[in-house]
Amino acid sequence: EFADDWGNPIAYIHRRDYTKRFRYLTLNPVGDGDLESQVQAVKSEKTGDFFHKRRFQLISAGPDALFGTDDDIHNFEVESE
């Protein structure tokens, strides 16, 4: 398992698993204990297709340690709204 700059796991999602959700525990950046959040593959709002639809996605929960928030870091560029 690979960790991001905040010591939390980087989610690896293979293309065959793009429709699944995964639960991760991350370190709470502002207190004791762990945070639990879910992550799933990200789709483009413009095309409706998954990013890297023939490969895989890497997703870091970012500084807030929660997946699915605006500070997540990906191995692809998410278009701005």
N, C-alpha and C. Protein backbone atom coordinates (compact mmCIF):
# COMPACT_ATOMS: atom_id res chain seq x y z
N GLU A 1 0.85 -1.18 0.00
CA GLU A 1 0.00 0.00 0.00
C GLU A 1 0.89 1.24 0.00
N PHE A 2 0.59 2.19 -0.87
CA PHE A 2 1.34 3.42 -0.96
C PHE A 2 0.66 4.51 -0.14
N ALA A 3 1.46 5.40 0.43
CA ALA A 3 0.92 6.48 1.26
C ALA A 3 1.15 7.83 0.57
N ASP A 4 0.27 8.78 0.85
CA ASP A 4 0.43 10.13 0.32
C ASP A 4 1.29 10.97 1.27
N ASP A 5 1.43 12.25 1.00
CA ASP A 5 2.27 13.14 1.82
C ASP A 5 1.77 13.30 3.25
N TRP A 6 0.53 12.92 3.52
CA TRP A 6 -0.05 13.05 4.86
C TRP A 6 -0.08 11.71 5.60
N GLY A 7 0.55 10.69 5.00
CA GLY A 7 0.63 9.37 5.63
C GLY A 7 -0.59 8.50 5.44
N ASN A 8 -1.48 8.90 4.54
CA ASN A 8 -2.71 8.15 4.31
C ASN A 8 -2.61 7.32 3.03
N PRO A 9 -3.40 6.25 2.94
CA PRO A 9 -3.32 5.39 1.76
C PRO A 9 -3.78 6.09 0.49
N ILE A 10 -3.11 5.76 -0.60
CA ILE A 10 -3.55 6.21 -1.92
C ILE A 10 -4.42 5.09 -2.49
N ALA A 11 -5.63 5.45 -2.86
CA ALA A 11 -6.56 4.46 -3.42
C ALA A 11 -6.14 4.12 -4.85
N TYR A 12 -5.99 2.84 -5.13
CA TYR A 12 -5.74 2.34 -6.48
C TYR A 12 -7.02 1.66 -6.94
N ILE A 13 -7.58 2.15 -8.05
CA ILE A 13 -8.83 1.57 -8.56
C ILE A 13 -8.59 1.11 -10.00
N HIS A 14 -8.61 -0.20 -10.21
CA HIS A 14 -8.44 -0.77 -11.54
C HIS A 14 -9.73 -0.55 -12.34
N ARG A 15 -9.60 -0.45 -13.63
CA ARG A 15 -10.78 -0.16 -14.48
C ARG A 15 -11.91 -1.15 -14.28
N ARG A 16 -11.61 -2.39 -13.98
CA ARG A 16 -12.68 -3.38 -13.79
C ARG A 16 -13.47 -3.11 -12.50
N ASP A 17 -12.93 -2.26 -11.62
CA ASP A 17 -13.59 -1.95 -10.35
C ASP A 17 -14.19 -0.55 -10.31
N TYR A 18 -14.30 0.11 -11.45
CA TYR A 18 -14.76 1.50 -11.47
C TYR A 18 -16.18 1.68 -10.93
N THR A 19 -16.99 0.67 -10.93
CA THR A 19 -18.36 0.83 -10.43
C THR A 19 -18.49 0.50 -8.94
N LYS A 20 -17.39 0.09 -8.31
CA LYS A 20 -17.42 -0.28 -6.89
C LYS A 20 -17.02 0.89 -6.00
N ARG A 21 -17.42 0.81 -4.73
CA ARG A 21 -17.00 1.77 -3.70
C ARG A 21 -16.05 1.05 -2.75
N PHE A 22 -15.07 1.80 -2.25
CA PHE A 22 -14.08 1.24 -1.33
C PHE A 22 -14.02 2.11 -0.08
N ARG A 23 -13.90 1.46 1.08
CA ARG A 23 -13.79 2.19 2.35
C ARG A 23 -12.34 2.23 2.80
N TYR A 24 -11.93 3.40 3.28
CA TYR A 24 -10.57 3.58 3.76
C TYR A 24 -10.59 4.26 5.12
N LEU A 25 -9.61 3.90 5.94
CA LEU A 25 -9.35 4.61 7.19
C LEU A 25 -8.14 5.51 6.97
N THR A 26 -8.26 6.76 7.40
CA THR A 26 -7.17 7.72 7.27
C THR A 26 -6.91 8.36 8.63
N LEU A 27 -5.75 8.98 8.76
CA LEU A 27 -5.38 9.64 10.01
C LEU A 27 -6.10 10.98 10.11
N ASN A 28 -6.74 11.23 11.23
CA ASN A 28 -7.43 12.50 11.45
C ASN A 28 -6.39 13.61 11.58
N PRO A 29 -6.39 14.61 10.67
CA PRO A 29 -5.36 15.65 10.70
C PRO A 29 -5.54 16.66 11.84
N VAL A 30 -6.70 16.68 12.49
CA VAL A 30 -6.95 17.68 13.54
C VAL A 30 -7.24 17.06 14.90
N GLY A 31 -6.96 15.79 15.05
CA GLY A 31 -7.25 15.17 16.34
C GLY A 31 -6.81 13.73 16.38
N ASP A 32 -7.25 13.07 17.43
CA ASP A 32 -6.90 11.66 17.60
C ASP A 32 -7.86 10.78 16.81
N GLY A 33 -7.42 9.57 16.57
CA GLY A 33 -8.29 8.59 15.93
C GLY A 33 -8.20 8.63 14.42
N ASP A 34 -9.02 7.80 13.83
CA ASP A 34 -9.05 7.66 12.39
C ASP A 34 -10.35 8.21 11.82
N LEU A 35 -10.31 8.52 10.53
CA LEU A 35 -11.51 8.91 9.79
C LEU A 35 -11.83 7.80 8.80
N GLU A 36 -13.09 7.54 8.59
CA GLU A 36 -13.49 6.55 7.59
C GLU A 36 -14.23 7.27 6.48
N SER A 37 -13.84 6.99 5.25
CA SER A 37 -14.56 7.56 4.11
C SER A 37 -14.55 6.56 2.97
N GLN A 38 -15.40 6.81 1.99
CA GLN A 38 -15.51 5.94 0.83
C GLN A 38 -14.97 6.65 -0.40
N VAL A 39 -14.43 5.86 -1.30
CA VAL A 39 -13.92 6.41 -2.56
C VAL A 39 -14.40 5.52 -3.69
N GLN A 40 -14.62 6.13 -4.82
CA GLN A 40 -14.96 5.39 -6.03
C GLN A 40 -14.33 6.12 -7.21
N ALA A 41 -14.25 5.45 -8.33
CA ALA A 41 -13.66 6.04 -9.53
C ALA A 41 -14.43 7.30 -9.92
N VAL A 42 -13.71 8.24 -10.51
CA VAL A 42 -14.28 9.54 -10.85
C VAL A 42 -14.60 9.59 -12.34
N LYS A 43 -15.78 10.17 -12.64
CA LYS A 43 -16.21 10.37 -14.03
C LYS A 43 -16.07 11.84 -14.41
N SER A 44 -15.86 12.07 -15.69
CA SER A 44 -15.84 13.42 -16.23
C SER A 44 -17.27 13.95 -16.28
N GLU A 45 -17.46 15.16 -15.78
CA GLU A 45 -18.80 15.77 -15.87
C GLU A 45 -19.13 16.14 -17.31
N LYS A 46 -18.11 16.42 -18.12
CA LYS A 46 -18.33 16.82 -19.51
C LYS A 46 -18.74 15.64 -20.39
N THR A 47 -18.06 14.50 -20.23
CA THR A 47 -18.30 13.36 -21.12
C THR A 47 -19.12 12.24 -20.49
N GLY A 48 -19.13 12.16 -19.17
CA GLY A 48 -19.80 11.07 -18.49
C GLY A 48 -18.99 9.79 -18.43
N ASP A 49 -17.79 9.81 -19.03
CA ASP A 49 -16.89 8.65 -19.00
C ASP A 49 -15.98 8.72 -17.79
N PHE A 50 -15.52 7.55 -17.35
CA PHE A 50 -14.52 7.52 -16.29
C PHE A 50 -13.20 8.07 -16.81
N PHE A 51 -12.49 8.81 -15.97
CA PHE A 51 -11.14 9.20 -16.32
C PHE A 51 -10.29 7.94 -16.40
N HIS A 52 -9.35 7.90 -17.34
CA HIS A 52 -8.49 6.72 -17.56
C HIS A 52 -9.33 5.45 -17.68
N LYS A 53 -10.34 5.51 -18.53
CA LYS A 53 -11.31 4.41 -18.60
C LYS A 53 -10.72 3.08 -19.03
N ARG A 54 -9.53 3.07 -19.59
CA ARG A 54 -8.90 1.80 -19.99
C ARG A 54 -7.70 1.45 -19.12
N ARG A 55 -7.51 2.16 -18.01
CA ARG A 55 -6.33 1.93 -17.18
C ARG A 55 -6.71 1.79 -15.71
N PHE A 56 -6.37 2.79 -14.91
CA PHE A 56 -6.63 2.79 -13.48
C PHE A 56 -6.64 4.22 -12.99
N GLN A 57 -7.16 4.41 -11.79
CA GLN A 57 -7.14 5.73 -11.14
C GLN A 57 -6.41 5.61 -9.80
N LEU A 58 -5.61 6.62 -9.50
CA LEU A 58 -4.98 6.78 -8.19
C LEU A 58 -5.59 8.00 -7.55
N ILE A 59 -6.04 7.87 -6.30
CA ILE A 59 -6.69 8.99 -5.63
C ILE A 59 -6.16 9.10 -4.20
N SER A 60 -5.71 10.31 -3.86
CA SER A 60 -5.30 10.64 -2.49
C SER A 60 -6.44 11.43 -1.86
N ALA A 61 -6.68 11.21 -0.59
CA ALA A 61 -7.73 11.96 0.12
C ALA A 61 -7.34 13.42 0.34
N GLY A 62 -6.08 13.76 0.13
CA GLY A 62 -5.63 15.15 0.28
C GLY A 62 -5.46 15.55 1.73
N PRO A 63 -5.22 16.84 1.98
CA PRO A 63 -4.91 17.31 3.34
C PRO A 63 -6.01 17.10 4.37
N ASP A 64 -7.29 17.07 3.95
CA ASP A 64 -8.36 16.88 4.95
C ASP A 64 -8.57 15.41 5.31
N ALA A 65 -7.86 14.50 4.62
CA ALA A 65 -7.90 13.06 4.90
C ALA A 65 -9.25 12.41 4.63
N LEU A 66 -10.12 13.06 3.89
CA LEU A 66 -11.42 12.50 3.53
C LEU A 66 -11.52 12.36 2.01
N PHE A 67 -11.87 11.17 1.56
CA PHE A 67 -12.09 10.97 0.13
C PHE A 67 -13.41 11.61 -0.29
N GLY A 68 -13.45 12.08 -1.53
CA GLY A 68 -14.68 12.64 -2.07
C GLY A 68 -14.86 14.12 -1.82
N THR A 69 -13.81 14.80 -1.36
CA THR A 69 -13.89 16.25 -1.14
C THR A 69 -13.04 16.97 -2.18
N ASP A 70 -13.16 18.29 -2.23
CA ASP A 70 -12.50 19.08 -3.26
C ASP A 70 -10.98 19.05 -3.22
N ASP A 71 -10.39 18.66 -2.10
CA ASP A 71 -8.92 18.66 -2.04
C ASP A 71 -8.30 17.31 -2.42
N ASP A 72 -9.10 16.37 -2.90
CA ASP A 72 -8.55 15.08 -3.35
C ASP A 72 -7.56 15.31 -4.49
N ILE A 73 -6.54 14.45 -4.55
CA ILE A 73 -5.51 14.54 -5.58
C ILE A 73 -5.59 13.28 -6.43
N HIS A 74 -5.58 13.45 -7.76
CA HIS A 74 -5.78 12.34 -8.70
C HIS A 74 -4.61 12.22 -9.66
N ASN A 75 -4.53 11.10 -10.36
CA ASN A 75 -3.55 10.95 -11.43
C ASN A 75 -4.14 11.38 -12.77
N PHE A 76 -5.07 12.30 -12.73
CA PHE A 76 -5.70 12.88 -13.91
C PHE A 76 -6.19 14.27 -13.53
N GLU A 77 -6.46 15.08 -14.52
CA GLU A 77 -6.92 16.45 -14.30
C GLU A 77 -8.45 16.47 -14.30
N VAL A 78 -9.04 16.89 -13.19
CA VAL A 78 -10.49 17.02 -13.10
C VAL A 78 -10.85 18.42 -13.57
N GLU A 79 -11.78 18.49 -14.53
CA GLU A 79 -12.15 19.80 -15.07
C GLU A 79 -12.86 20.64 -14.02
N SER A 80 -12.63 21.94 -14.08
CA SER A 80 -13.29 22.87 -13.16
C SER A 80 -14.73 23.06 -13.56
N GLU A 81 -15.56 23.29 -12.55
CA GLU A 81 -17.00 23.53 -12.83
C GLU A 81 -17.24 24.98 -13.14
